[in-house]
Amino acid sequence: MTKVFHKRKSDYVKRPISRTGLGLILKKLVEVENVRMYFNPYGGRMGEIPSSRTPFPHRAGNLYKIEYLVSWTEAGDDVEKNRLARAREMYEFMSPYVSKNPREAFLTTVILT
């Protein structure tokens, strides 16, 4: 059985990202390789339910959450350092597009490997 290692980090987006911004993000994703991004939209039906009725108050003021994910199957510090460096590079690139002062995130998963 192959062991899969992965790390995840998140951001919140409070303002729409322009088409130009999305194009730059896609270009950067191709450049850094091996980093996946998931956009989790808020609003719609979720916006109709008062935050006091759920244990998830994080939707207030957020358009969506972005999750960054890197995975690898090769063991070793060098592989891990490479993947984490790529994820950090993408995360830093996203600074102009995400929440600021403070930069907000949601701890979604604790991974024990």
PDB file of N, CA and C in Angstrom:
ATOM      1  N   MET A   1       0.837  -1.176   0.000  1.00  0.00           N
ATOM      2  CA  MET A   1       0.000   0.000   0.000  1.00  0.00           C
ATOM      3  C   MET A   1       0.889   1.249   0.000  1.00  0.00           C
ATOM      4  N   THR A   2       0.612   2.164  -0.898  1.00  0.00           N
ATOM      5  CA  THR A   2       1.388   3.390  -1.013  1.00  0.00           C
ATOM      6  C   THR A   2       0.954   4.396   0.043  1.00  0.00           C
ATOM      7  N   LYS A   3       1.916   4.967   0.713  1.00  0.00           N
ATOM      8  CA  LYS A   3       1.623   5.999   1.696  1.00  0.00           C
ATOM      9  C   LYS A   3       1.592   7.351   0.980  1.00  0.00           C
ATOM     10  N   VAL A   4       0.564   8.123   1.260  1.00  0.00           N
ATOM     11  CA  VAL A   4       0.422   9.445   0.659  1.00  0.00           C
ATOM     12  C   VAL A   4       0.590  10.497   1.748  1.00  0.00           C
ATOM     13  N   PHE A   5       1.476  11.428   1.495  1.00  0.00           N
ATOM     14  CA  PHE A   5       1.699  12.540   2.412  1.00  0.00           C
ATOM     15  C   PHE A   5       1.015  13.766   1.818  1.00  0.00           C
ATOM     16  N   HIS A   6       0.425  14.587   2.654  1.00  0.00           N
ATOM     17  CA  HIS A   6      -0.113  15.836   2.141  1.00  0.00           C
ATOM     18  C   HIS A   6      -0.228  16.886   3.234  1.00  0.00           C
ATOM     19  N   LYS A   7      -0.205  18.111   2.779  1.00  0.00           N
ATOM     20  CA  LYS A   7      -0.355  19.275   3.651  1.00  0.00           C
ATOM     21  C   LYS A   7      -1.371  20.205   3.007  1.00  0.00           C
ATOM     22  N   ARG A   8      -2.071  20.908   3.858  1.00  0.00           N
ATOM     23  CA  ARG A   8      -3.148  21.774   3.412  1.00  0.00           C
ATOM     24  C   ARG A   8      -3.102  23.097   4.171  1.00  0.00           C
ATOM     25  N   LYS A   9      -3.511  24.145   3.513  1.00  0.00           N
ATOM     26  CA  LYS A   9      -3.598  25.458   4.149  1.00  0.00           C
ATOM     27  C   LYS A   9      -4.774  26.181   3.502  1.00  0.00           C
ATOM     28  N   SER A  10      -5.329  27.167   4.191  1.00  0.00           N
ATOM     29  CA  SER A  10      -6.493  27.843   3.620  1.00  0.00           C
ATOM     30  C   SER A  10      -6.381  29.354   3.723  1.00  0.00           C
ATOM     31  N   ASP A  11      -7.247  30.017   2.974  1.00  0.00           N
ATOM     32  CA  ASP A  11      -7.386  31.470   2.960  1.00  0.00           C
ATOM     33  C   ASP A  11      -8.861  31.798   2.798  1.00  0.00           C
ATOM     34  N   TYR A  12      -9.240  32.987   3.221  1.00  0.00           N
ATOM     35  CA  TYR A  12     -10.581  33.489   2.946  1.00  0.00           C
ATOM     36  C   TYR A  12     -10.492  34.628   1.945  1.00  0.00           C
ATOM     37  N   VAL A  13     -11.485  34.691   1.062  1.00  0.00           N
ATOM     38  CA  VAL A  13     -11.578  35.749   0.058  1.00  0.00           C
ATOM     39  C   VAL A  13     -12.801  36.593   0.389  1.00  0.00           C
ATOM     40  N   LYS A  14     -12.587  37.889   0.520  1.00  0.00           N
ATOM     41  CA  LYS A  14     -13.662  38.808   0.891  1.00  0.00           C
ATOM     42  C   LYS A  14     -14.139  39.674  -0.277  1.00  0.00           C
ATOM     43  N   ARG A  15     -13.294  39.838  -1.299  1.00  0.00           N
ATOM     44  CA  ARG A  15     -13.641  40.637  -2.473  1.00  0.00           C
ATOM     45  C   ARG A  15     -13.471  39.772  -3.719  1.00  0.00           C
ATOM     46  N   PRO A  16     -14.314  39.962  -4.733  1.00  0.00           N
ATOM     47  CA  PRO A  16     -14.166  39.164  -5.958  1.00  0.00           C
ATOM     48  C   PRO A  16     -12.774  39.331  -6.568  1.00  0.00           C
ATOM     49  N   ILE A  17     -12.265  38.253  -7.122  1.00  0.00           N
ATOM     50  CA  ILE A  17     -10.985  38.287  -7.832  1.00  0.00           C
ATOM     51  C   ILE A  17     -11.294  38.587  -9.296  1.00  0.00           C
ATOM     52  N   SER A  18     -10.623  39.565  -9.868  1.00  0.00           N
ATOM     53  CA  SER A  18     -10.873  39.963 -11.259  1.00  0.00           C
ATOM     54  C   SER A  18     -10.489  38.843 -12.227  1.00  0.00           C
ATOM     55  N   ARG A  19     -10.984  38.960 -13.456  1.00  0.00           N
ATOM     56  CA  ARG A  19     -10.598  37.993 -14.500  1.00  0.00           C
ATOM     57  C   ARG A  19      -9.086  38.015 -14.709  1.00  0.00           C
ATOM     58  N   THR A  20      -8.523  39.205 -14.693  1.00  0.00           N
ATOM     59  CA  THR A  20      -7.068  39.322 -14.839  1.00  0.00           C
ATOM     60  C   THR A  20      -6.368  38.595 -13.701  1.00  0.00           C
ATOM     61  N   GLY A  21      -6.846  38.814 -12.474  1.00  0.00           N
ATOM     62  CA  GLY A  21      -6.271  38.137 -11.315  1.00  0.00           C
ATOM     63  C   GLY A  21      -6.378  36.630 -11.429  1.00  0.00           C
ATOM     64  N   LEU A  22      -7.552  36.147 -11.867  1.00  0.00           N
ATOM     65  CA  LEU A  22      -7.728  34.698 -12.032  1.00  0.00           C
ATOM     66  C   LEU A  22      -6.764  34.147 -13.080  1.00  0.00           C
ATOM     67  N   GLY A  23      -6.551  34.898 -14.153  1.00  0.00           N
ATOM     68  CA  GLY A  23      -5.593  34.468 -15.176  1.00  0.00           C
ATOM     69  C   GLY A  23      -4.180  34.364 -14.625  1.00  0.00           C
ATOM     70  N   LEU A  24      -3.792  35.344 -13.818  1.00  0.00           N
ATOM     71  CA  LEU A  24      -2.461  35.308 -13.206  1.00  0.00           C
ATOM     72  C   LEU A  24      -2.337  34.144 -12.224  1.00  0.00           C
ATOM     73  N   ILE A  25      -3.401  33.869 -11.496  1.00  0.00           N
ATOM     74  CA  ILE A  25      -3.401  32.745 -10.548  1.00  0.00           C
ATOM     75  C   ILE A  25      -3.230  31.431 -11.297  1.00  0.00           C
ATOM     76  N   LEU A  26      -3.969  31.251 -12.392  1.00  0.00           N
ATOM     77  CA  LEU A  26      -3.841  30.014 -13.176  1.00  0.00           C
ATOM     78  C   LEU A  26      -2.432  29.864 -13.746  1.00  0.00           C
ATOM     79  N   LYS A  27      -1.879  30.958 -14.231  1.00  0.00           N
ATOM     80  CA  LYS A  27      -0.511  30.920 -14.764  1.00  0.00           C
ATOM     81  C   LYS A  27       0.476  30.508 -13.672  1.00  0.00           C
ATOM     82  N   LYS A  28       0.310  31.053 -12.477  1.00  0.00           N
ATOM     83  CA  LYS A  28       1.203  30.718 -11.357  1.00  0.00           C
ATOM     84  C   LYS A  28       1.043  29.255 -10.954  1.00  0.00           C
ATOM     85  N   LEU A  29      -0.191  28.750 -10.957  1.00  0.00           N
ATOM     86  CA  LEU A  29      -0.411  27.333 -10.625  1.00  0.00           C
ATOM     87  C   LEU A  29       0.351  26.414 -11.572  1.00  0.00           C
ATOM     88  N   VAL A  30       0.334  26.743 -12.849  1.00  0.00           N
ATOM     89  CA  VAL A  30       1.078  25.946 -13.830  1.00  0.00           C
ATOM     90  C   VAL A  30       2.573  26.038 -13.542  1.00  0.00           C
ATOM     91  N   GLU A  31       3.034  27.220 -13.193  1.00  0.00           N
ATOM     92  CA  GLU A  31       4.458  27.441 -12.921  1.00  0.00           C
ATOM     93  C   GLU A  31       4.943  26.660 -11.696  1.00  0.00           C
ATOM     94  N   VAL A  32       4.191  26.704 -10.594  1.00  0.00           N
ATOM     95  CA  VAL A  32       4.682  26.065  -9.368  1.00  0.00           C
ATOM     96  C   VAL A  32       4.517  24.550  -9.381  1.00  0.00           C
ATOM     97  N   GLU A  33       3.601  24.026 -10.177  1.00  0.00           N
ATOM     98  CA  GLU A  33       3.360  22.579 -10.281  1.00  0.00           C
ATOM     99  C   GLU A  33       3.042  21.938  -8.928  1.00  0.00           C
ATOM    100  N   ASN A  34       2.299  20.881  -8.974  1.00  0.00           N
ATOM    101  CA  ASN A  34       2.020  20.030  -7.816  1.00  0.00           C
ATOM    102  C   ASN A  34       1.261  20.709  -6.681  1.00  0.00           C
ATOM    103  N   VAL A  35       0.721  21.888  -6.909  1.00  0.00           N
ATOM    104  CA  VAL A  35      -0.114  22.545  -5.907  1.00  0.00           C
ATOM    105  C   VAL A  35      -1.530  22.573  -6.464  1.00  0.00           C
ATOM    106  N   ARG A  36      -2.473  22.137  -5.656  1.00  0.00           N
ATOM    107  CA  ARG A  36      -3.879  22.194  -6.053  1.00  0.00           C
ATOM    108  C   ARG A  36      -4.579  23.258  -5.231  1.00  0.00           C
ATOM    109  N   MET A  37      -5.563  23.895  -5.843  1.00  0.00           N
ATOM    110  CA  MET A  37      -6.369  24.885  -5.132  1.00  0.00           C
ATOM    111  C   MET A  37      -7.836  24.496  -5.265  1.00  0.00           C
ATOM    112  N   TYR A  38      -8.542  24.557  -4.145  1.00  0.00           N
ATOM    113  CA  TYR A  38      -9.979  24.300  -4.124  1.00  0.00           C
ATOM    114  C   TYR A  38     -10.679  25.569  -3.666  1.00  0.00           C
ATOM    115  N   PHE A  39     -11.678  25.988  -4.414  1.00  0.00           N
ATOM    116  CA  PHE A  39     -12.468  27.160  -4.058  1.00  0.00           C
ATOM    117  C   PHE A  39     -13.791  26.667  -3.478  1.00  0.00           C
ATOM    118  N   ASN A  40     -14.060  26.993  -2.228  1.00  0.00           N
ATOM    119  CA  ASN A  40     -15.288  26.594  -1.545  1.00  0.00           C
ATOM    120  C   ASN A  40     -16.177  27.824  -1.395  1.00  0.00           C
ATOM    121  N   PRO A  41     -17.208  27.966  -2.251  1.00  0.00           N
ATOM    122  CA  PRO A  41     -18.031  29.172  -2.207  1.00  0.00           C
ATOM    123  C   PRO A  41     -18.964  29.201  -1.003  1.00  0.00           C
ATOM    124  N   TYR A  42     -19.184  30.404  -0.502  1.00  0.00           N
ATOM    125  CA  TYR A  42     -20.171  30.633   0.547  1.00  0.00           C
ATOM    126  C   TYR A  42     -21.297  31.439  -0.087  1.00  0.00           C
ATOM    127  N   GLY A  43     -22.419  31.518   0.582  1.00  0.00           N
ATOM    128  CA  GLY A  43     -23.558  32.239   0.033  1.00  0.00           C
ATOM    129  C   GLY A  43     -24.621  31.248  -0.386  1.00  0.00           C
ATOM    130  N   GLY A  44     -25.477  31.627  -1.314  1.00  0.00           N
ATOM    131  CA  GLY A  44     -26.551  30.751  -1.746  1.00  0.00           C
ATOM    132  C   GLY A  44     -27.408  30.326  -0.570  1.00  0.00           C
ATOM    133  N   ARG A  45     -27.738  29.081  -0.507  1.00  0.00           N
ATOM    134  CA  ARG A  45     -28.563  28.548   0.584  1.00  0.00           C
ATOM    135  C   ARG A  45     -27.889  28.777   1.933  1.00  0.00           C
ATOM    136  N   MET A  46     -26.581  28.661   1.983  1.00  0.00           N
ATOM    137  CA  MET A  46     -25.859  28.868   3.239  1.00  0.00           C
ATOM    138  C   MET A  46     -26.128  30.264   3.796  1.00  0.00           C
ATOM    139  N   GLY A  47     -26.236  31.256   2.915  1.00  0.00           N
ATOM    140  CA  GLY A  47     -26.483  32.620   3.339  1.00  0.00           C
ATOM    141  C   GLY A  47     -27.873  32.845   3.907  1.00  0.00           C
ATOM    142  N   GLU A  48     -28.792  31.923   3.641  1.00  0.00           N
ATOM    143  CA  GLU A  48     -30.158  32.053   4.148  1.00  0.00           C
ATOM    144  C   GLU A  48     -30.301  31.553   5.581  1.00  0.00           C
ATOM    145  N   ILE A  49     -29.336  30.811   6.059  1.00  0.00           N
ATOM    146  CA  ILE A  49     -29.399  30.239   7.403  1.00  0.00           C
ATOM    147  C   ILE A  49     -28.601  31.127   8.349  1.00  0.00           C
ATOM    148  N   PRO A  50     -29.218  31.630   9.421  1.00  0.00           N
ATOM    149  CA  PRO A  50     -28.484  32.486  10.359  1.00  0.00           C
ATOM    150  C   PRO A  50     -27.273  31.760  10.943  1.00  0.00           C
ATOM    151  N   SER A  51     -26.165  32.486  11.090  1.00  0.00           N
ATOM    152  CA  SER A  51     -24.949  31.861  11.622  1.00  0.00           C
ATOM    153  C   SER A  51     -25.162  31.340  13.038  1.00  0.00           C
ATOM    154  N   SER A  52     -26.137  31.878  13.748  1.00  0.00           N
ATOM    155  CA  SER A  52     -26.421  31.390  15.103  1.00  0.00           C
ATOM    156  C   SER A  52     -27.072  30.011  15.098  1.00  0.00           C
ATOM    157  N   ARG A  53     -27.509  29.532  13.936  1.00  0.00           N
ATOM    158  CA  ARG A  53     -28.166  28.233  13.841  1.00  0.00           C
ATOM    159  C   ARG A  53     -27.213  27.115  13.445  1.00  0.00           C
ATOM    160  N   THR A  54     -25.958  27.437  13.213  1.00  0.00           N
ATOM    161  CA  THR A  54     -24.980  26.411  12.837  1.00  0.00           C
ATOM    162  C   THR A  54     -23.689  26.626  13.618  1.00  0.00           C
ATOM    163  N   PRO A  55     -22.882  25.582  13.713  1.00  0.00           N
ATOM    164  CA  PRO A  55     -21.581  25.744  14.378  1.00  0.00           C
ATOM    165  C   PRO A  55     -20.504  26.257  13.417  1.00  0.00           C
ATOM    166  N   PHE A  56     -20.902  26.962  12.370  1.00  0.00           N
ATOM    167  CA  PHE A  56     -19.966  27.436  11.348  1.00  0.00           C
ATOM    168  C   PHE A  56     -20.182  28.930  11.095  1.00  0.00           C
ATOM    169  N   PRO A  57     -19.634  29.790  11.937  1.00  0.00           N
ATOM    170  CA  PRO A  57     -19.848  31.228  11.793  1.00  0.00           C
ATOM    171  C   PRO A  57     -18.916  31.903  10.788  1.00  0.00           C
ATOM    172  N   HIS A  58     -18.037  31.168  10.153  1.00  0.00           N
ATOM    173  CA  HIS A  58     -16.958  31.738   9.344  1.00  0.00           C
ATOM    174  C   HIS A  58     -17.408  32.308   8.007  1.00  0.00           C
ATOM    175  N   ARG A  59     -18.660  32.165   7.664  1.00  0.00           N
ATOM    176  CA  ARG A  59     -19.104  32.640   6.360  1.00  0.00           C
ATOM    177  C   ARG A  59     -19.352  34.145   6.332  1.00  0.00           C
ATOM    178  N   ALA A  60     -19.527  34.784   7.480  1.00  0.00           N
ATOM    179  CA  ALA A  60     -19.833  36.214   7.525  1.00  0.00           C
ATOM    180  C   ALA A  60     -18.728  37.036   6.866  1.00  0.00           C
ATOM    181  N   GLY A  61     -19.081  37.734   5.796  1.00  0.00           N
ATOM    182  CA  GLY A  61     -18.129  38.603   5.117  1.00  0.00           C
ATOM    183  C   GLY A  61     -17.183  37.905   4.161  1.00  0.00           C
ATOM    184  N   ASN A  62     -17.295  36.594   4.027  1.00  0.00           N
ATOM    185  CA  ASN A  62     -16.402  35.841   3.141  1.00  0.00           C
ATOM    186  C   ASN A  62     -17.161  35.366   1.912  1.00  0.00           C
ATOM    187  N   LEU A  63     -16.582  35.567   0.737  1.00  0.00           N
ATOM    188  CA  LEU A  63     -17.180  35.053  -0.489  1.00  0.00           C
ATOM    189  C   LEU A  63     -16.907  33.565  -0.645  1.00  0.00           C
ATOM    190  N   TYR A  64     -15.687  33.181  -0.328  1.00  0.00           N
ATOM    191  CA  TYR A  64     -15.322  31.768  -0.381  1.00  0.00           C
ATOM    192  C   TYR A  64     -14.016  31.527   0.337  1.00  0.00           C
ATOM    193  N   LYS A  65     -13.753  30.247   0.525  1.00  0.00           N
ATOM    194  CA  LYS A  65     -12.500  29.810   1.136  1.00  0.00           C
ATOM    195  C   LYS A  65     -11.681  29.149   0.039  1.00  0.00           C
ATOM    196  N   ILE A  66     -10.387  29.390   0.062  1.00  0.00           N
ATOM    197  CA  ILE A  66      -9.472  28.704  -0.851  1.00  0.00           C
ATOM    198  C   ILE A  66      -8.642  27.750  -0.013  1.00  0.00           C
ATOM    199  N   GLU A  67      -8.541  26.511  -0.478  1.00  0.00           N
ATOM    200  CA  GLU A  67      -7.658  25.538   0.167  1.00  0.00           C
ATOM    201  C   GLU A  67      -6.520  25.232  -0.796  1.00  0.00           C
ATOM    202  N   TYR A  68      -5.317  25.237  -0.270  1.00  0.00           N
ATOM    203  CA  TYR A  68      -4.115  24.876  -1.028  1.00  0.00           C
ATOM    204  C   TYR A  68      -3.706  23.486  -0.560  1.00  0.00           C
ATOM    205  N   LEU A  69      -3.424  22.599  -1.481  1.00  0.00           N
ATOM    206  CA  LEU A  69      -3.080  21.226  -1.125  1.00  0.00           C
ATOM    207  C   LEU A  69      -1.877  20.768  -1.934  1.00  0.00           C
ATOM    208  N   VAL A  70      -0.918  20.176  -1.235  1.00  0.00           N
ATOM    209  CA  VAL A  70       0.196  19.498  -1.898  1.00  0.00           C
ATOM    210  C   VAL A  70       0.229  18.063  -1.386  1.00  0.00           C
ATOM    211  N   SER A  71       0.496  17.138  -2.293  1.00  0.00           N
ATOM    212  CA  SER A  71       0.565  15.717  -1.942  1.00  0.00           C
ATOM    213  C   SER A  71       1.795  15.106  -2.591  1.00  0.00           C
ATOM    214  N   TRP A  72       2.291  14.036  -1.976  1.00  0.00           N
ATOM    215  CA  TRP A  72       3.406  13.302  -2.558  1.00  0.00           C
ATOM    216  C   TRP A  72       3.428  11.896  -1.976  1.00  0.00           C
ATOM    217  N   THR A  73       4.042  10.986  -2.718  1.00  0.00           N
ATOM    218  CA  THR A  73       4.130   9.590  -2.274  1.00  0.00           C
ATOM    219  C   THR A  73       5.565   9.165  -2.000  1.00  0.00           C
ATOM    220  N   GLU A  74       6.513   9.989  -2.424  1.00  0.00           N
ATOM    221  CA  GLU A  74       7.919   9.665  -2.219  1.00  0.00           C
ATOM    222  C   GLU A  74       8.333  10.078  -0.809  1.00  0.00           C
ATOM    223  N   ALA A  75       8.964   9.175  -0.078  1.00  0.00           N
ATOM    224  CA  ALA A  75       9.438   9.503   1.267  1.00  0.00           C
ATOM    225  C   ALA A  75      10.733  10.297   1.165  1.00  0.00           C
ATOM    226  N   GLY A  76      10.992  11.103   2.156  1.00  0.00           N
ATOM    227  CA  GLY A  76      12.263  11.824   2.205  1.00  0.00           C
ATOM    228  C   GLY A  76      12.086  13.308   2.436  1.00  0.00           C
ATOM    229  N   ASP A  77      13.043  13.860   3.148  1.00  0.00           N
ATOM    230  CA  ASP A  77      12.999  15.280   3.487  1.00  0.00           C
ATOM    231  C   ASP A  77      13.074  16.185   2.263  1.00  0.00           C
ATOM    232  N   ASP A  78      13.870  15.806   1.268  1.00  0.00           N
ATOM    233  CA  ASP A  78      14.026  16.657   0.090  1.00  0.00           C
ATOM    234  C   ASP A  78      12.714  16.815  -0.666  1.00  0.00           C
ATOM    235  N   VAL A  79      11.974  15.725  -0.819  1.00  0.00           N
ATOM    236  CA  VAL A  79      10.691  15.783  -1.518  1.00  0.00           C
ATOM    237  C   VAL A  79       9.720  16.653  -0.729  1.00  0.00           C
ATOM    238  N   GLU A  80       9.665  16.429   0.573  1.00  0.00           N
ATOM    239  CA  GLU A  80       8.766  17.226   1.413  1.00  0.00           C
ATOM    240  C   GLU A  80       9.122  18.714   1.343  1.00  0.00           C
ATOM    241  N   LYS A  81      10.387  19.039   1.458  1.00  0.00           N
ATOM    242  CA  LYS A  81      10.813  20.445   1.401  1.00  0.00           C
ATOM    243  C   LYS A  81      10.446  21.081   0.067  1.00  0.00           C
ATOM    244  N   ASN A  82      10.619  20.332  -1.022  1.00  0.00           N
ATOM    245  CA  ASN A  82      10.276  20.835  -2.347  1.00  0.00           C
ATOM    246  C   ASN A  82       8.786  21.129  -2.453  1.00  0.00           C
ATOM    247  N   ARG A  83       7.959  20.189  -2.039  1.00  0.00           N
ATOM    248  CA  ARG A  83       6.503  20.379  -2.129  1.00  0.00           C
ATOM    249  C   ARG A  83       6.042  21.540  -1.251  1.00  0.00           C
ATOM    250  N   LEU A  84       6.570  21.619  -0.037  1.00  0.00           N
ATOM    251  CA  LEU A  84       6.165  22.698   0.866  1.00  0.00           C
ATOM    252  C   LEU A  84       6.632  24.061   0.350  1.00  0.00           C
ATOM    253  N   ALA A  85       7.805  24.105  -0.270  1.00  0.00           N
ATOM    254  CA  ALA A  85       8.296  25.365  -0.842  1.00  0.00           C
ATOM    255  C   ALA A  85       7.374  25.840  -1.962  1.00  0.00           C
ATOM    256  N   ARG A  86       6.908  24.912  -2.779  1.00  0.00           N
ATOM    257  CA  ARG A  86       5.990  25.274  -3.867  1.00  0.00           C
ATOM    258  C   ARG A  86       4.661  25.784  -3.309  1.00  0.00           C
ATOM    259  N   ALA A  87       4.170  25.123  -2.268  1.00  0.00           N
ATOM    260  CA  ALA A  87       2.918  25.560  -1.644  1.00  0.00           C
ATOM    261  C   ALA A  87       3.079  26.949  -1.027  1.00  0.00           C
ATOM    262  N   ARG A  88       4.191  27.181  -0.366  1.00  0.00           N
ATOM    263  CA  ARG A  88       4.442  28.504   0.235  1.00  0.00           C
ATOM    264  C   ARG A  88       4.536  29.586  -0.842  1.00  0.00           C
ATOM    265  N   GLU A  89       5.158  29.238  -1.954  1.00  0.00           N
ATOM    266  CA  GLU A  89       5.274  30.197  -3.054  1.00  0.00           C
ATOM    267  C   GLU A  89       3.887  30.590  -3.572  1.00  0.00           C
ATOM    268  N   MET A  90       3.012  29.607  -3.742  1.00  0.00           N
ATOM    269  CA  MET A  90       1.655  29.896  -4.209  1.00  0.00           C
ATOM    270  C   MET A  90       0.885  30.697  -3.170  1.00  0.00           C
ATOM    271  N   TYR A  91       1.034  30.318  -1.916  1.00  0.00           N
ATOM    272  CA  TYR A  91       0.349  31.012  -0.823  1.00  0.00           C
ATOM    273  C   TYR A  91       0.769  32.482  -0.780  1.00  0.00           C
ATOM    274  N   GLU A  92       2.047  32.749  -0.909  1.00  0.00           N
ATOM    275  CA  GLU A  92       2.533  34.134  -0.905  1.00  0.00           C
ATOM    276  C   GLU A  92       2.029  34.899  -2.127  1.00  0.00           C
ATOM    277  N   PHE A  93       1.997  34.224  -3.271  1.00  0.00           N
ATOM    278  CA  PHE A  93       1.501  34.855  -4.494  1.00  0.00           C
ATOM    279  C   PHE A  93       0.055  35.313  -4.328  1.00  0.00           C
ATOM    280  N   MET A  94      -0.718  34.596  -3.545  1.00  0.00           N
ATOM    281  CA  MET A  94      -2.140  34.891  -3.365  1.00  0.00           C
ATOM    282  C   MET A  94      -2.409  36.069  -2.438  1.00  0.00           C
ATOM    283  N   SER A  95      -1.404  36.598  -1.790  1.00  0.00           N
ATOM    284  CA  SER A  95      -1.588  37.683  -0.810  1.00  0.00           C
ATOM    285  C   SER A  95      -2.471  38.839  -1.289  1.00  0.00           C
ATOM    286  N   PRO A  96      -2.322  39.333  -2.517  1.00  0.00           N
ATOM    287  CA  PRO A  96      -3.159  40.468  -2.931  1.00  0.00           C
ATOM    288  C   PRO A  96      -4.644  40.126  -3.082  1.00  0.00           C
ATOM    289  N   TYR A  97      -4.976  38.838  -3.158  1.00  0.00           N
ATOM    290  CA  TYR A  97      -6.340  38.433  -3.476  1.00  0.00           C
ATOM    291  C   TYR A  97      -7.153  37.964  -2.275  1.00  0.00           C
ATOM    292  N   VAL A  98      -6.533  37.832  -1.132  1.00  0.00           N
ATOM    293  CA  VAL A  98      -7.198  37.221   0.023  1.00  0.00           C
ATOM    294  C   VAL A  98      -7.301  38.204   1.190  1.00  0.00           C
ATOM    295  N   SER A  99      -7.919  37.761   2.274  1.00  0.00           N
ATOM    296  CA  SER A  99      -8.122  38.624   3.441  1.00  0.00           C
ATOM    297  C   SER A  99      -6.790  39.155   3.967  1.00  0.00           C
ATOM    298  N   LYS A 100      -6.872  40.332   4.585  1.00  0.00           N
ATOM    299  CA  LYS A 100      -5.662  40.994   5.086  1.00  0.00           C
ATOM    300  C   LYS A 100      -5.925  41.579   6.464  1.00  0.00           C
ATOM    301  N   ASN A 101      -4.869  41.734   7.214  1.00  0.00           N
ATOM    302  CA  ASN A 101      -4.882  42.444   8.506  1.00  0.00           C
ATOM    303  C   ASN A 101      -6.021  42.040   9.436  1.00  0.00           C
ATOM    304  N   PRO A 102      -6.118  40.847   9.871  1.00  0.00           N
ATOM    305  CA  PRO A 102      -5.172  39.749   9.650  1.00  0.00           C
ATOM    306  C   PRO A 102      -5.553  38.909   8.430  1.00  0.00           C
ATOM    307  N   ARG A 103      -4.605  38.138   7.970  1.00  0.00           N
ATOM    308  CA  ARG A 103      -4.889  37.152   6.933  1.00  0.00           C
ATOM    309  C   ARG A 103      -5.577  35.994   7.628  1.00  0.00           C
ATOM    310  N   GLU A 104      -6.801  35.706   7.201  1.00  0.00           N
ATOM    311  CA  GLU A 104      -7.618  34.722   7.899  1.00  0.00           C
ATOM    312  C   GLU A 104      -7.521  33.348   7.253  1.00  0.00           C
ATOM    313  N   ALA A 105      -7.671  32.324   8.079  1.00  0.00           N
ATOM    314  CA  ALA A 105      -7.644  30.942   7.611  1.00  0.00           C
ATOM    315  C   ALA A 105      -8.526  30.104   8.513  1.00  0.00           C
ATOM    316  N   PHE A 106      -8.827  28.902   8.063  1.00  0.00           N
ATOM    317  CA  PHE A 106      -9.649  27.972   8.824  1.00  0.00           C
ATOM    318  C   PHE A 106      -8.900  26.655   8.927  1.00  0.00           C
ATOM    319  N   LEU A 107      -8.685  26.187  10.132  1.00  0.00           N
ATOM    320  CA  LEU A 107      -8.037  24.892  10.321  1.00  0.00           C
ATOM    321  C   LEU A 107      -9.056  23.816   9.990  1.00  0.00           C
ATOM    322  N   THR A 108      -8.857  23.144   8.863  1.00  0.00           N
ATOM    323  CA  THR A 108      -9.839  22.160   8.413  1.00  0.00           C
ATOM    324  C   THR A 108      -9.435  20.729   8.714  1.00  0.00           C
ATOM    325  N   THR A 109      -8.155  20.476   8.718  1.00  0.00           N
ATOM    326  CA  THR A 109      -7.706  19.099   8.839  1.00  0.00           C
ATOM    327  C   THR A 109      -6.402  19.047   9.614  1.00  0.00           C
ATOM    328  N   VAL A 110      -6.322  18.109  10.514  1.00  0.00           N
ATOM    329  CA  VAL A 110      -5.053  17.816  11.168  1.00  0.00           C
ATOM    330  C   VAL A 110      -4.612  16.471  10.616  1.00  0.00           C
ATOM    331  N   ILE A 111      -3.440  16.438  10.016  1.00  0.00           N
ATOM    332  CA  ILE A 111      -2.977  15.225   9.348  1.00  0.00           C
ATOM    333  C   ILE A 111      -1.833  14.620  10.133  1.00  0.00           C
ATOM    334  N   LEU A 112      -1.999  13.398  10.527  1.00  0.00           N
ATOM    335  CA  LEU A 112      -0.939  12.673  11.217  1.00  0.00           C
ATOM    336  C   LEU A 112      -0.387  11.635  10.265  1.00  0.00           C
ATOM    337  N   THR A 113       0.914  11.710   9.965  1.00  0.00           N
ATOM    338  CA  THR A 113       1.509  10.729   9.054  1.00  0.00           C
ATOM    339  C   THR A 113       2.686  10.066   9.707  1.00  0.00           C
TER     340      THR A 113
END
